[in-house]
Amino acid sequence: MKDLFQDYKKQNSKKNTIIIVASLAFAFSINTFLFGTDIGTRLQTSVINSTVKTSTTPADIVIVSAGTGTDMLKIKSNNQLENVSKIYLSLAFDPQWLAISDIFSEDKEVEVIKNSNIPGNSSITLLFKKPKTITEKTSLITVVYKKTVEKTVLNLGETQFKSADGTLYQLTNNSFEF
């Protein structure tokens, strides 16, 4: 009986040795990959950066509430835009829960052109009669809406402005849950 037990111990120790050697080889190869290659360095950087909280830059164009108890939203500039001749905005929303009744500007020097009003997608051009510098926190347009649910979202799609010299600039934007 002792011989069988001794044979089992020898086989078990051989298997354990093989497992330990294979584990060390695997750990060494991962270490070499992570610290010895360009891909490993980039992987480390992306993992480290994914947990670092950075300060977010505010969007160039934002949607805000026009006030408590109103069915209006304002789209405002969050940065100064210089020499603006046109602004292009697109609004995306769920037409089942939200309907846009009117879009207007309080500035008499701005003509609001509704390019399309497909349910759930509105494309708007703001045409300035004279090139204008838009200061920070300036209200561009007011959106009058009717919603059928307690909470819904209005998204600003592509937003751009065209300067007087014809250069087109992309603007960052946000969405608004209300």
C-alpha atoms as a PDB file:
ATOM      1  CA  MET A   1       0.000   0.000   0.000  1.00  0.00           C
ATOM      2  CA  LYS A   2       2.908   2.322   0.727  1.00  0.00           C
ATOM      3  CA  ASP A   3       4.221   1.951  -2.801  1.00  0.00           C
ATOM      4  CA  LEU A   4       1.009   3.282  -4.355  1.00  0.00           C
ATOM      5  CA  PHE A   5       0.976   6.243  -2.008  1.00  0.00           C
ATOM      6  CA  GLN A   6       4.652   7.031  -2.765  1.00  0.00           C
ATOM      7  CA  ASP A   7       3.961   6.840  -6.510  1.00  0.00           C
ATOM      8  CA  TYR A   8       0.984   9.191  -6.086  1.00  0.00           C
ATOM      9  CA  LYS A   9       3.131  11.686  -4.137  1.00  0.00           C
ATOM     10  CA  LYS A  10       5.813  11.634  -6.839  1.00  0.00           C
ATOM     11  CA  GLN A  11       3.259  12.243  -9.604  1.00  0.00           C
ATOM     12  CA  ASN A  12       1.577  14.984  -7.585  1.00  0.00           C
ATOM     13  CA  SER A  13       4.867  16.771  -6.902  1.00  0.00           C
ATOM     14  CA  LYS A  14       5.775  16.572 -10.629  1.00  0.00           C
ATOM     15  CA  LYS A  15       2.396  18.114 -11.543  1.00  0.00           C
ATOM     16  CA  ASN A  16       2.807  20.853  -8.932  1.00  0.00           C
ATOM     17  CA  THR A  17       6.296  21.636 -10.217  1.00  0.00           C
ATOM     18  CA  ILE A  18       4.994  21.876 -13.792  1.00  0.00           C
ATOM     19  CA  ILE A  19       2.139  24.161 -12.679  1.00  0.00           C
ATOM     20  CA  ILE A  20       4.526  26.416 -10.729  1.00  0.00           C
ATOM     21  CA  VAL A  21       6.984  26.677 -13.640  1.00  0.00           C
ATOM     22  CA  ALA A  22       4.171  27.367 -16.134  1.00  0.00           C
ATOM     23  CA  SER A  23       2.725  30.059 -13.840  1.00  0.00           C
ATOM     24  CA  LEU A  24       6.097  31.773 -13.501  1.00  0.00           C
ATOM     25  CA  ALA A  25       6.617  31.667 -17.279  1.00  0.00           C
ATOM     26  CA  PHE A  26       3.152  33.130 -17.853  1.00  0.00           C
ATOM     27  CA  ALA A  27       3.727  35.899 -15.272  1.00  0.00           C
ATOM     28  CA  PHE A  28       7.093  36.698 -16.838  1.00  0.00           C
ATOM     29  CA  SER A  29       5.551  36.941 -20.322  1.00  0.00           C
ATOM     30  CA  ILE A  30       2.772  39.273 -19.102  1.00  0.00           C
ATOM     31  CA  ASN A  31       5.348  41.416 -17.300  1.00  0.00           C
ATOM     32  CA  THR A  32       7.459  41.603 -20.471  1.00  0.00           C
ATOM     33  CA  PHE A  33       4.395  42.508 -22.538  1.00  0.00           C
ATOM     34  CA  LEU A  34       3.193  45.257 -20.162  1.00  0.00           C
ATOM     35  CA  PHE A  35       6.547  46.851 -19.412  1.00  0.00           C
ATOM     36  CA  GLY A  36       8.612  46.012 -22.474  1.00  0.00           C
ATOM     37  CA  THR A  37       6.379  46.833 -25.443  1.00  0.00           C
ATOM     38  CA  ASP A  38       4.787  49.965 -26.822  1.00  0.00           C
ATOM     39  CA  ILE A  39       1.345  48.338 -26.795  1.00  0.00           C
ATOM     40  CA  GLY A  40       1.742  47.478 -23.119  1.00  0.00           C
ATOM     41  CA  THR A  41       2.702  51.053 -22.274  1.00  0.00           C
ATOM     42  CA  ARG A  42      -0.328  52.417 -24.117  1.00  0.00           C
ATOM     43  CA  LEU A  43      -2.545  49.882 -22.360  1.00  0.00           C
ATOM     44  CA  GLN A  44      -1.195  50.988 -18.974  1.00  0.00           C
ATOM     45  CA  THR A  45      -1.795  54.645 -19.854  1.00  0.00           C
ATOM     46  CA  SER A  46      -5.374  54.044 -20.966  1.00  0.00           C
ATOM     47  CA  VAL A  47      -6.161  52.095 -17.795  1.00  0.00           C
ATOM     48  CA  ILE A  48      -4.642  54.796 -15.593  1.00  0.00           C
ATOM     49  CA  ASN A  49      -6.449  57.573 -17.489  1.00  0.00           C
ATOM     50  CA  SER A  50      -9.784  55.786 -17.295  1.00  0.00           C
ATOM     51  CA  THR A  51      -9.848  56.179 -13.523  1.00  0.00           C
ATOM     52  CA  VAL A  52      -8.481  59.724 -13.377  1.00  0.00           C
ATOM     53  CA  LYS A  53     -11.215  62.311 -13.148  1.00  0.00           C
ATOM     54  CA  THR A  54     -10.451  65.271 -15.349  1.00  0.00           C
ATOM     55  CA  SER A  55     -12.208  68.583 -15.269  1.00  0.00           C
ATOM     56  CA  THR A  56     -14.703  68.669 -18.093  1.00  0.00           C
ATOM     57  CA  THR A  57     -14.677  71.540 -20.491  1.00  0.00           C
ATOM     58  CA  PRO A  58     -18.047  73.228 -20.755  1.00  0.00           C
ATOM     59  CA  ALA A  59     -19.782  72.922 -24.094  1.00  0.00           C
ATOM     60  CA  ASP A  60     -19.750  75.898 -26.477  1.00  0.00           C
ATOM     61  CA  ILE A  61     -23.542  75.768 -26.890  1.00  0.00           C
ATOM     62  CA  VAL A  62     -25.807  74.590 -24.060  1.00  0.00           C
ATOM     63  CA  ILE A  63     -29.512  74.005 -23.463  1.00  0.00           C
ATOM     64  CA  VAL A  64     -30.906  75.474 -20.231  1.00  0.00           C
ATOM     65  CA  SER A  65     -34.338  75.869 -18.726  1.00  0.00           C
ATOM     66  CA  ALA A  66     -35.981  79.227 -19.393  1.00  0.00           C
ATOM     67  CA  GLY A  67     -37.447  79.259 -15.887  1.00  0.00           C
ATOM     68  CA  THR A  68     -39.544  77.284 -13.467  1.00  0.00           C
ATOM     69  CA  GLY A  69     -43.097  76.645 -14.579  1.00  0.00           C
ATOM     70  CA  THR A  70     -42.494  77.557 -18.218  1.00  0.00           C
ATOM     71  CA  ASP A  71     -42.608  75.254 -21.193  1.00  0.00           C
ATOM     72  CA  MET A  72     -39.561  76.928 -22.718  1.00  0.00           C
ATOM     73  CA  LEU A  73     -35.881  76.145 -23.052  1.00  0.00           C
ATOM     74  CA  LYS A  74     -33.097  78.519 -24.021  1.00  0.00           C
ATOM     75  CA  ILE A  75     -30.109  77.637 -26.143  1.00  0.00           C
ATOM     76  CA  LYS A  76     -27.176  79.769 -25.019  1.00  0.00           C
ATOM     77  CA  SER A  77     -23.562  80.293 -25.953  1.00  0.00           C
ATOM     78  CA  ASN A  78     -21.185  79.251 -23.232  1.00  0.00           C
ATOM     79  CA  ASN A  79     -18.126  80.871 -24.810  1.00  0.00           C
ATOM     80  CA  GLN A  80     -17.449  83.999 -26.785  1.00  0.00           C
ATOM     81  CA  LEU A  81     -17.912  83.536 -30.544  1.00  0.00           C
ATOM     82  CA  GLU A  82     -16.410  86.254 -32.709  1.00  0.00           C
ATOM     83  CA  ASN A  83     -17.511  87.602 -36.086  1.00  0.00           C
ATOM     84  CA  VAL A  84     -20.490  85.242 -36.433  1.00  0.00           C
ATOM     85  CA  SER A  85     -22.637  85.445 -39.563  1.00  0.00           C
ATOM     86  CA  LYS A  86     -24.573  82.128 -39.227  1.00  0.00           C
ATOM     87  CA  ILE A  87     -25.135  79.430 -36.625  1.00  0.00           C
ATOM     88  CA  TYR A  88     -26.372  75.973 -37.589  1.00  0.00           C
ATOM     89  CA  LEU A  89     -28.173  73.877 -34.951  1.00  0.00           C
ATOM     90  CA  SER A  90     -29.905  70.532 -35.071  1.00  0.00           C
ATOM     91  CA  LEU A  91     -32.241  69.328 -32.347  1.00  0.00           C
ATOM     92  CA  ALA A  92     -33.003  65.649 -31.813  1.00  0.00           C
ATOM     93  CA  PHE A  93     -35.766  64.374 -29.544  1.00  0.00           C
ATOM     94  CA  ASP A  94     -38.392  61.657 -29.213  1.00  0.00           C
ATOM     95  CA  PRO A  95     -41.506  62.986 -31.006  1.00  0.00           C
ATOM     96  CA  GLN A  96     -43.688  60.614 -29.022  1.00  0.00           C
ATOM     97  CA  TRP A  97     -42.855  62.471 -25.786  1.00  0.00           C
ATOM     98  CA  LEU A  98     -41.943  65.972 -26.956  1.00  0.00           C
ATOM     99  CA  ALA A  99     -43.312  68.408 -29.544  1.00  0.00           C
ATOM    100  CA  ILE A 100     -41.665  71.715 -30.415  1.00  0.00           C
ATOM    101  CA  SER A 101     -44.295  74.427 -30.869  1.00  0.00           C
ATOM    102  CA  ASP A 102     -42.105  77.419 -31.691  1.00  0.00           C
ATOM    103  CA  ILE A 103     -38.506  78.529 -31.988  1.00  0.00           C
ATOM    104  CA  PHE A 104     -37.663  82.207 -31.846  1.00  0.00           C
ATOM    105  CA  SER A 105     -34.886  84.656 -31.020  1.00  0.00           C
ATOM    106  CA  GLU A 106     -35.282  87.670 -28.781  1.00  0.00           C
ATOM    107  CA  ASP A 107     -32.556  89.450 -30.781  1.00  0.00           C
ATOM    108  CA  LYS A 108     -34.136  91.436 -33.638  1.00  0.00           C
ATOM    109  CA  GLU A 109     -30.863  91.235 -35.615  1.00  0.00           C
ATOM    110  CA  VAL A 110     -31.238  87.437 -35.907  1.00  0.00           C
ATOM    111  CA  GLU A 111     -33.449  85.657 -38.404  1.00  0.00           C
ATOM    112  CA  VAL A 112     -34.446  82.140 -37.351  1.00  0.00           C
ATOM    113  CA  ILE A 113     -34.815  79.794 -40.325  1.00  0.00           C
ATOM    114  CA  LYS A 114     -36.329  76.372 -39.684  1.00  0.00           C
ATOM    115  CA  ASN A 115     -34.727  74.225 -42.392  1.00  0.00           C
ATOM    116  CA  SER A 116     -36.552  71.046 -41.480  1.00  0.00           C
ATOM    117  CA  ASN A 117     -39.061  70.046 -38.906  1.00  0.00           C
ATOM    118  CA  ILE A 118     -39.190  66.292 -39.268  1.00  0.00           C
ATOM    119  CA  PRO A 119     -40.793  64.755 -36.175  1.00  0.00           C
ATOM    120  CA  GLY A 120     -37.930  64.188 -33.777  1.00  0.00           C
ATOM    121  CA  ASN A 121     -35.400  66.247 -35.717  1.00  0.00           C
ATOM    122  CA  SER A 122     -35.331  70.000 -36.256  1.00  0.00           C
ATOM    123  CA  SER A 123     -32.631  71.756 -38.245  1.00  0.00           C
ATOM    124  CA  ILE A 124     -32.295  75.488 -37.570  1.00  0.00           C
ATOM    125  CA  THR A 125     -30.156  78.243 -39.056  1.00  0.00           C
ATOM    126  CA  LEU A 126     -29.630  81.527 -37.234  1.00  0.00           C
ATOM    127  CA  LEU A 127     -28.831  84.178 -39.818  1.00  0.00           C
ATOM    128  CA  PHE A 128     -27.292  87.374 -38.432  1.00  0.00           C
ATOM    129  CA  LYS A 129     -28.047  90.522 -40.434  1.00  0.00           C
ATOM    130  CA  LYS A 130     -24.544  91.855 -39.618  1.00  0.00           C
ATOM    131  CA  PRO A 131     -21.571  89.805 -38.378  1.00  0.00           C
ATOM    132  CA  LYS A 132     -21.694  89.848 -34.603  1.00  0.00           C
ATOM    133  CA  THR A 133     -19.582  88.864 -31.616  1.00  0.00           C
ATOM    134  CA  ILE A 134     -21.636  86.706 -29.291  1.00  0.00           C
ATOM    135  CA  THR A 135     -20.560  86.985 -25.690  1.00  0.00           C
ATOM    136  CA  GLU A 136     -20.579  84.287 -23.066  1.00  0.00           C
ATOM    137  CA  LYS A 137     -24.007  83.306 -21.638  1.00  0.00           C
ATOM    138  CA  THR A 138     -25.879  85.009 -24.501  1.00  0.00           C
ATOM    139  CA  SER A 139     -29.268  83.505 -25.270  1.00  0.00           C
ATOM    140  CA  LEU A 140     -29.416  82.516 -28.935  1.00  0.00           C
ATOM    141  CA  ILE A 141     -32.919  81.090 -29.280  1.00  0.00           C
ATOM    142  CA  THR A 142     -35.893  80.073 -27.175  1.00  0.00           C
ATOM    143  CA  VAL A 143     -37.624  76.756 -27.800  1.00  0.00           C
ATOM    144  CA  VAL A 144     -41.303  76.451 -26.834  1.00  0.00           C
ATOM    145  CA  TYR A 145     -42.316  72.836 -26.276  1.00  0.00           C
ATOM    146  CA  LYS A 146     -45.083  70.529 -25.115  1.00  0.00           C
ATOM    147  CA  LYS A 147     -44.187  67.245 -23.452  1.00  0.00           C
ATOM    148  CA  THR A 148     -46.380  64.299 -22.610  1.00  0.00           C
ATOM    149  CA  VAL A 149     -44.150  62.571 -20.043  1.00  0.00           C
ATOM    150  CA  GLU A 150     -42.564  63.709 -16.820  1.00  0.00           C
ATOM    151  CA  LYS A 151     -38.954  63.454 -18.081  1.00  0.00           C
ATOM    152  CA  THR A 152     -37.572  63.569 -21.587  1.00  0.00           C
ATOM    153  CA  VAL A 153     -34.345  64.601 -23.333  1.00  0.00           C
ATOM    154  CA  LEU A 154     -33.560  67.206 -25.979  1.00  0.00           C
ATOM    155  CA  ASN A 155     -30.254  66.682 -27.751  1.00  0.00           C
ATOM    156  CA  LEU A 156     -28.254  69.214 -29.687  1.00  0.00           C
ATOM    157  CA  GLY A 157     -26.837  67.421 -32.693  1.00  0.00           C
ATOM    158  CA  GLU A 158     -24.289  69.031 -34.947  1.00  0.00           C
ATOM    159  CA  THR A 159     -23.685  72.683 -34.074  1.00  0.00           C
ATOM    160  CA  GLN A 160     -21.544  74.981 -36.191  1.00  0.00           C
ATOM    161  CA  PHE A 161     -21.008  78.662 -36.755  1.00  0.00           C
ATOM    162  CA  LYS A 162     -19.866  80.438 -39.877  1.00  0.00           C
ATOM    163  CA  SER A 163     -17.736  83.548 -39.563  1.00  0.00           C
ATOM    164  CA  ALA A 164     -18.053  86.566 -41.846  1.00  0.00           C
ATOM    165  CA  ASP A 165     -15.079  85.354 -43.907  1.00  0.00           C
ATOM    166  CA  GLY A 166     -16.889  82.064 -44.641  1.00  0.00           C
ATOM    167  CA  THR A 167     -14.908  79.781 -42.305  1.00  0.00           C
ATOM    168  CA  LEU A 168     -17.049  77.087 -40.693  1.00  0.00           C
ATOM    169  CA  TYR A 169     -16.289  76.148 -37.057  1.00  0.00           C
ATOM    170  CA  GLN A 170     -17.556  73.096 -35.150  1.00  0.00           C
ATOM    171  CA  LEU A 171     -19.014  73.790 -31.707  1.00  0.00           C
ATOM    172  CA  THR A 172     -19.301  71.416 -28.784  1.00  0.00           C
ATOM    173  CA  ASN A 173     -22.772  70.948 -27.339  1.00  0.00           C
ATOM    174  CA  ASN A 174     -24.805  69.018 -24.794  1.00  0.00           C
ATOM    175  CA  SER A 175     -28.141  67.404 -24.176  1.00  0.00           C
ATOM    176  CA  PHE A 176     -30.711  68.422 -21.583  1.00  0.00           C
ATOM    177  CA  GLU A 177     -33.006  66.212 -19.537  1.00  0.00           C
ATOM    178  CA  PHE A 178     -36.102  67.968 -18.236  1.00  0.00           C
END
